[in-house]
Amino acid sequence: MRRRRAHARRYDLTRLGLTLALALCVGPRRAGAVPAGDVSATAAPEAADATDDTAATEIAAVEPPRRPRLTLAAGMGVTLDGSGFADGTHAIPAFFAVGGFGDGLLGLDLGSFASGAAGRFHGQGEDPVDRLALDAFAAIRPLARVARGDNRYHLRVLRTFAEELGLGLERDGRMTVAGSRFELHTGVRIELPLTPAGQPSELRLRLAVRRAVGLYTPKLYDTTTSDVTRVGNTTEAYAALAVVF
């Protein structure tokens, strides 16, 4: 009886030992378990993939820098010119063209101006000059940031108000004689939008006044030295269609 019990006890211990050994060998492999030595090798590719996805998302989220808006304007007006007239200032037809960089608080513009007085006046003591000018000037918009999110019409108009200040070169002459001068360009302008707000490009009506102050006074001589015309300063007013894009 004692021998049977001892034999059964040894049999149970042997079976328990085999079961534990089998569990230690097979257990870590079940349910997709990864040995401790393989954890870092598996986690490294996953971390690299996550880093690549994050970098791609950040690159897609960065917007390219926006370029300044460009402006092209052309129109007609008059120049108030008293040079060559014995009876004072006259209104002479003139053409204006302006190109600009920037439509915000500060912009840079290049403008041209031409007047045509030749052949228009034939009275006694009337011998006016034609003018051709090229100006480079800053356009300062002090109200450009007022209520920027508000697109009511009067606020859109106010934001376009600009003051102009720069330098220019002017050519003054008649058929047989001409002179030139450097000038100080000053002016003010305002624009009336003709298209709805929020469009990528706009069409505006520009109303402007320009004042050119010469840094010196050219003299134009005719047939005699006593017949001389001193080229003075002028004031221009014009309306132009402006495209902003």
Foldseek 3Di string as FASTA:
>chain_A
DVVVVVVVVVVVVVVVVVVVVVCVVCVCPPPNHDDPVCPVVVVVVVVVVVVVVVVVVVVVVDDDDDFAKKKKKKWKWWKFFQWQAPPHTDTFIKIKIKIWGHQAQKIKMKMKMWTDDPPVDDDPSHDAKIKIKIWIWMWGQPLLPPPVVDQDQVSVFNNRKTKIWTKMKMWIGDDPWIDIFIWIKIKIKTWGWPDGPPDPKTKIKMKMKIWIATPDWDWTDDPDPVRIITGGIMMIIIIIIMMID
